[in-house]
Amino acid sequence: MAIIGFSFTKMQAEKRSPVHGQININNNVAVTDLQDANLSMAQSKKGLKLLFAFTSTFEPDLGSLQLDGEVILLEDTKVAEELLSNWQKSKSLPPELMPIVLNAILERCNIQALIMARDIGLPAPIPLPKVNMQNMPAAKPAEKKAAPEQKAEKPKKAKK
């Protein structure tokens, strides 16, 4: 399975009230549909279009972010047909495929959600690294290291 395409189809950001106090942020991603992508490919390969919805909600009722989109997958024809058939029956993907697809979606959506939240004045929807100077050791002045001593090798006598 190869991911050959990714695009957003909807981006929505809403800030309903000023940010203050304790904030809970809930992120969720869901696969909403799996369809034939109708790509012109060789007989041995088939394209699938996976639709998704990513949401971030900022509680208590501060705002929300919504990103909808599609991921285009390329798979062997037989496997693609099985995936489509199973999706129609159970609306689920095989466990071995889910981490690959969800990680690709989260990689793009988390970055876009971070930008959108910044632009409308909401906190970052994912934890960002922070520097804590209190736990850092005090910086010492640079010490000048002496050059290592070099031993001169005695020339070896050639044996006759």
C-alpha atoms as a PDB file:
ATOM      1  CA  MET A   1       0.000   0.000   0.000  1.00  0.00           C
ATOM      2  CA  ALA A   2       1.299   3.420  -0.926  1.00  0.00           C
ATOM      3  CA  ILE A   3      -0.114   6.847  -0.145  1.00  0.00           C
ATOM      4  CA  ILE A   4       0.033   8.768  -3.420  1.00  0.00           C
ATOM      5  CA  GLY A   5      -2.141  11.779  -2.602  1.00  0.00           C
ATOM      6  CA  PHE A   6      -3.471  13.924   0.232  1.00  0.00           C
ATOM      7  CA  SER A   7      -5.720  16.963   0.169  1.00  0.00           C
ATOM      8  CA  PHE A   8      -7.973  18.961   2.436  1.00  0.00           C
ATOM      9  CA  THR A   9     -11.541  19.483   1.264  1.00  0.00           C
ATOM     10  CA  LYS A  10     -12.755  21.602   4.187  1.00  0.00           C
ATOM     11  CA  MET A  11     -11.034  23.809   6.785  1.00  0.00           C
ATOM     12  CA  GLN A  12     -13.059  25.522   9.462  1.00  0.00           C
ATOM     13  CA  ALA A  13     -11.861  27.414  12.541  1.00  0.00           C
ATOM     14  CA  GLU A  14     -14.126  29.059  15.096  1.00  0.00           C
ATOM     15  CA  LYS A  15     -13.350  31.007  18.264  1.00  0.00           C
ATOM     16  CA  ARG A  16     -16.461  31.505  20.377  1.00  0.00           C
ATOM     17  CA  SER A  17     -15.057  33.201  23.493  1.00  0.00           C
ATOM     18  CA  PRO A  18     -11.786  34.600  24.878  1.00  0.00           C
ATOM     19  CA  VAL A  19      -9.238  32.102  26.156  1.00  0.00           C
ATOM     20  CA  HIS A  20      -9.029  32.045  29.965  1.00  0.00           C
ATOM     21  CA  GLY A  21      -8.723  29.583  32.829  1.00  0.00           C
ATOM     22  CA  GLN A  22      -8.406  25.817  32.531  1.00  0.00           C
ATOM     23  CA  ILE A  23      -8.753  24.591  28.948  1.00  0.00           C
ATOM     24  CA  ASN A  24      -9.367  21.034  27.766  1.00  0.00           C
ATOM     25  CA  ILE A  25      -8.468  20.233  24.175  1.00  0.00           C
ATOM     26  CA  ASN A  26      -9.834  17.102  22.524  1.00  0.00           C
ATOM     27  CA  ASN A  27      -8.512  15.957  19.158  1.00  0.00           C
ATOM     28  CA  ASN A  28     -10.229  13.280  17.118  1.00  0.00           C
ATOM     29  CA  VAL A  29      -9.725  11.755  13.686  1.00  0.00           C
ATOM     30  CA  ALA A  30     -12.195   9.452  11.956  1.00  0.00           C
ATOM     31  CA  VAL A  31     -12.254   7.633   8.650  1.00  0.00           C
ATOM     32  CA  THR A  32     -15.641   8.541   7.174  1.00  0.00           C
ATOM     33  CA  ASP A  33     -15.643   6.641   3.880  1.00  0.00           C
ATOM     34  CA  LEU A  34     -13.622   4.486   1.496  1.00  0.00           C
ATOM     35  CA  GLN A  35     -14.290   4.717  -2.240  1.00  0.00           C
ATOM     36  CA  ASP A  36     -12.847   3.674  -5.568  1.00  0.00           C
ATOM     37  CA  ALA A  37     -10.636   6.561  -6.717  1.00  0.00           C
ATOM     38  CA  ASN A  38     -11.230   5.767 -10.405  1.00  0.00           C
ATOM     39  CA  LEU A  39      -7.598   6.229 -11.382  1.00  0.00           C
ATOM     40  CA  SER A  40      -6.343   5.168 -14.790  1.00  0.00           C
ATOM     41  CA  MET A  41      -3.811   2.582 -13.715  1.00  0.00           C
ATOM     42  CA  ALA A  42      -2.381  -0.716 -14.854  1.00  0.00           C
ATOM     43  CA  GLN A  43      -4.681  -3.712 -14.321  1.00  0.00           C
ATOM     44  CA  SER A  44      -2.592  -4.869 -11.340  1.00  0.00           C
ATOM     45  CA  LYS A  45      -3.113  -1.658  -9.281  1.00  0.00           C
ATOM     46  CA  LYS A  46      -6.181   0.195  -8.066  1.00  0.00           C
ATOM     47  CA  GLY A  47      -6.597   3.580  -6.409  1.00  0.00           C
ATOM     48  CA  LEU A  48      -8.709   4.073  -3.286  1.00  0.00           C
ATOM     49  CA  LYS A  49      -9.977   7.359  -1.863  1.00  0.00           C
ATOM     50  CA  LEU A  50     -10.184   7.406   1.919  1.00  0.00           C
ATOM     51  CA  LEU A  51     -12.224  10.301   3.365  1.00  0.00           C
ATOM     52  CA  PHE A  52     -11.479  11.579   6.874  1.00  0.00           C
ATOM     53  CA  ALA A  53     -12.593  14.165   9.436  1.00  0.00           C
ATOM     54  CA  PHE A  54     -10.226  15.700  12.015  1.00  0.00           C
ATOM     55  CA  THR A  55     -11.622  17.833  14.834  1.00  0.00           C
ATOM     56  CA  SER A  56     -10.166  19.771  17.743  1.00  0.00           C
ATOM     57  CA  THR A  57     -12.546  21.071  20.391  1.00  0.00           C
ATOM     58  CA  PHE A  58     -11.489  23.606  22.994  1.00  0.00           C
ATOM     59  CA  GLU A  59     -13.563  23.353  26.188  1.00  0.00           C
ATOM     60  CA  PRO A  60     -15.326  25.011  27.914  1.00  0.00           C
ATOM     61  CA  ASP A  61     -16.930  26.175  24.646  1.00  0.00           C
ATOM     62  CA  LEU A  62     -13.946  28.271  23.509  1.00  0.00           C
ATOM     63  CA  GLY A  63     -13.839  27.134  19.914  1.00  0.00           C
ATOM     64  CA  SER A  64     -13.225  24.350  17.458  1.00  0.00           C
ATOM     65  CA  LEU A  65     -11.241  23.349  14.396  1.00  0.00           C
ATOM     66  CA  GLN A  66     -12.457  21.007  11.684  1.00  0.00           C
ATOM     67  CA  LEU A  67     -10.440  19.583   8.815  1.00  0.00           C
ATOM     68  CA  ASP A  68     -11.960  17.224   6.260  1.00  0.00           C
ATOM     69  CA  GLY A  69      -9.990  15.646   3.471  1.00  0.00           C
ATOM     70  CA  GLU A  70      -9.026  12.675   1.427  1.00  0.00           C
ATOM     71  CA  VAL A  71      -6.077  10.339   1.160  1.00  0.00           C
ATOM     72  CA  ILE A  72      -5.427   8.529  -2.115  1.00  0.00           C
ATOM     73  CA  LEU A  73      -4.033   5.016  -1.676  1.00  0.00           C
ATOM     74  CA  LEU A  74      -2.530   2.754  -4.327  1.00  0.00           C
ATOM     75  CA  GLU A  75      -2.987  -0.963  -3.749  1.00  0.00           C
ATOM     76  CA  ASP A  76      -2.942  -4.239  -5.641  1.00  0.00           C
ATOM     77  CA  THR A  77      -6.293  -4.692  -7.372  1.00  0.00           C
ATOM     78  CA  LYS A  78      -7.246  -7.824  -5.429  1.00  0.00           C
ATOM     79  CA  VAL A  79      -6.402  -6.262  -2.053  1.00  0.00           C
ATOM     80  CA  ALA A  80      -8.205  -3.026  -2.985  1.00  0.00           C
ATOM     81  CA  GLU A  81     -11.356  -4.934  -3.900  1.00  0.00           C
ATOM     82  CA  GLU A  82     -11.221  -6.765  -0.553  1.00  0.00           C
ATOM     83  CA  LEU A  83     -10.787  -3.471   1.317  1.00  0.00           C
ATOM     84  CA  LEU A  84     -13.780  -1.929  -0.477  1.00  0.00           C
ATOM     85  CA  SER A  85     -15.909  -5.015   0.153  1.00  0.00           C
ATOM     86  CA  ASN A  86     -15.016  -5.118   3.856  1.00  0.00           C
ATOM     87  CA  TRP A  87     -15.666  -1.380   4.175  1.00  0.00           C
ATOM     88  CA  GLN A  88     -19.165  -1.776   2.716  1.00  0.00           C
ATOM     89  CA  LYS A  89     -19.914  -4.551   5.239  1.00  0.00           C
ATOM     90  CA  SER A  90     -18.303  -3.302   8.462  1.00  0.00           C
ATOM     91  CA  LYS A  91     -17.192   0.316   7.867  1.00  0.00           C
ATOM     92  CA  SER A  92     -13.740  -0.572   9.192  1.00  0.00           C
ATOM     93  CA  LEU A  93     -10.230  -1.006   7.860  1.00  0.00           C
ATOM     94  CA  PRO A  94      -7.831  -3.837   8.721  1.00  0.00           C
ATOM     95  CA  PRO A  95      -5.748  -3.241  11.884  1.00  0.00           C
ATOM     96  CA  GLU A  96      -2.462  -3.372   9.942  1.00  0.00           C
ATOM     97  CA  LEU A  97      -3.599  -0.524   7.647  1.00  0.00           C
ATOM     98  CA  MET A  98      -5.013   1.832  10.305  1.00  0.00           C
ATOM     99  CA  PRO A  99      -1.705   3.038  11.840  1.00  0.00           C
ATOM    100  CA  ILE A 100      -0.248   3.872   8.436  1.00  0.00           C
ATOM    101  CA  VAL A 101      -3.308   5.833   7.335  1.00  0.00           C
ATOM    102  CA  LEU A 102      -3.981   7.542  10.680  1.00  0.00           C
ATOM    103  CA  ASN A 103      -0.347   8.604  11.121  1.00  0.00           C
ATOM    104  CA  ALA A 104      -0.331  10.175   7.639  1.00  0.00           C
ATOM    105  CA  ILE A 105      -3.575  12.026   8.428  1.00  0.00           C
ATOM    106  CA  LEU A 106      -2.383  13.173  11.868  1.00  0.00           C
ATOM    107  CA  GLU A 107       0.955  14.365  10.496  1.00  0.00           C
ATOM    108  CA  ARG A 108      -0.739  16.779   8.101  1.00  0.00           C
ATOM    109  CA  CYS A 109      -3.740  17.709  10.273  1.00  0.00           C
ATOM    110  CA  ASN A 110      -1.763  18.480  13.443  1.00  0.00           C
ATOM    111  CA  ILE A 111       0.426  20.937  11.558  1.00  0.00           C
ATOM    112  CA  GLN A 112      -2.541  22.605   9.848  1.00  0.00           C
ATOM    113  CA  ALA A 113      -4.524  22.734  13.123  1.00  0.00           C
ATOM    114  CA  LEU A 114      -1.552  24.369  14.857  1.00  0.00           C
ATOM    115  CA  ILE A 115      -1.426  27.107  12.199  1.00  0.00           C
ATOM    116  CA  MET A 116      -5.193  27.669  12.249  1.00  0.00           C
ATOM    117  CA  ALA A 117      -5.336  27.838  16.065  1.00  0.00           C
ATOM    118  CA  ARG A 118      -2.522  30.402  16.090  1.00  0.00           C
ATOM    119  CA  ASP A 119      -4.260  32.505  13.453  1.00  0.00           C
ATOM    120  CA  ILE A 120      -7.535  32.812  15.392  1.00  0.00           C
ATOM    121  CA  GLY A 121      -5.993  33.084  18.868  1.00  0.00           C
ATOM    122  CA  LEU A 122      -6.650  29.613  20.272  1.00  0.00           C
ATOM    123  CA  PRO A 123      -4.001  27.628  22.149  1.00  0.00           C
ATOM    124  CA  ALA A 124      -1.973  25.010  20.304  1.00  0.00           C
ATOM    125  CA  PRO A 125      -4.059  21.837  19.916  1.00  0.00           C
ATOM    126  CA  ILE A 126      -0.970  19.655  20.409  1.00  0.00           C
ATOM    127  CA  PRO A 127       1.692  19.907  23.147  1.00  0.00           C
ATOM    128  CA  LEU A 128       4.707  21.927  22.091  1.00  0.00           C
ATOM    129  CA  PRO A 129       8.205  21.458  23.519  1.00  0.00           C
ATOM    130  CA  LYS A 130       9.189  23.946  26.203  1.00  0.00           C
ATOM    131  CA  VAL A 131      12.613  24.887  27.553  1.00  0.00           C
ATOM    132  CA  ASN A 132      12.951  24.739  31.346  1.00  0.00           C
ATOM    133  CA  MET A 133      16.031  26.662  32.474  1.00  0.00           C
ATOM    134  CA  GLN A 134      15.561  25.771  36.175  1.00  0.00           C
ATOM    135  CA  ASN A 135      16.672  22.182  35.639  1.00  0.00           C
ATOM    136  CA  MET A 136      19.639  23.053  33.451  1.00  0.00           C
ATOM    137  CA  PRO A 137      23.130  22.924  35.004  1.00  0.00           C
ATOM    138  CA  ALA A 138      24.932  26.224  35.302  1.00  0.00           C
ATOM    139  CA  ALA A 139      27.154  26.968  32.348  1.00  0.00           C
ATOM    140  CA  LYS A 140      30.860  26.722  33.100  1.00  0.00           C
ATOM    141  CA  PRO A 141      33.419  28.941  31.430  1.00  0.00           C
ATOM    142  CA  ALA A 142      35.100  27.235  28.531  1.00  0.00           C
ATOM    143  CA  GLU A 143      38.239  25.459  29.629  1.00  0.00           C
ATOM    144  CA  LYS A 144      41.264  25.539  27.442  1.00  0.00           C
ATOM    145  CA  LYS A 145      42.484  22.028  26.843  1.00  0.00           C
ATOM    146  CA  ALA A 146      46.167  21.412  26.493  1.00  0.00           C
ATOM    147  CA  ALA A 147      47.266  19.763  23.305  1.00  0.00           C
ATOM    148  CA  PRO A 148      47.935  16.072  23.864  1.00  0.00           C
ATOM    149  CA  GLU A 149      51.561  15.180  24.142  1.00  0.00           C
ATOM    150  CA  GLN A 150      52.967  13.449  21.156  1.00  0.00           C
ATOM    151  CA  LYS A 151      55.654  10.849  21.476  1.00  0.00           C
ATOM    152  CA  ALA A 152      58.251  10.801  18.814  1.00  0.00           C
ATOM    153  CA  GLU A 153      58.677   7.322  17.435  1.00  0.00           C
ATOM    154  CA  LYS A 154      62.150   5.992  17.016  1.00  0.00           C
ATOM    155  CA  PRO A 155      62.848   5.008  13.484  1.00  0.00           C
ATOM    156  CA  LYS A 156      62.939   1.245  13.109  1.00  0.00           C
ATOM    157  CA  LYS A 157      66.010  -0.333  11.712  1.00  0.00           C
ATOM    158  CA  ALA A 158      65.514  -2.360   8.635  1.00  0.00           C
ATOM    159  CA  LYS A 159      66.532  -5.997   9.012  1.00  0.00           C
ATOM    160  CA  LYS A 160      69.069  -7.292   6.598  1.00  0.00           C
END
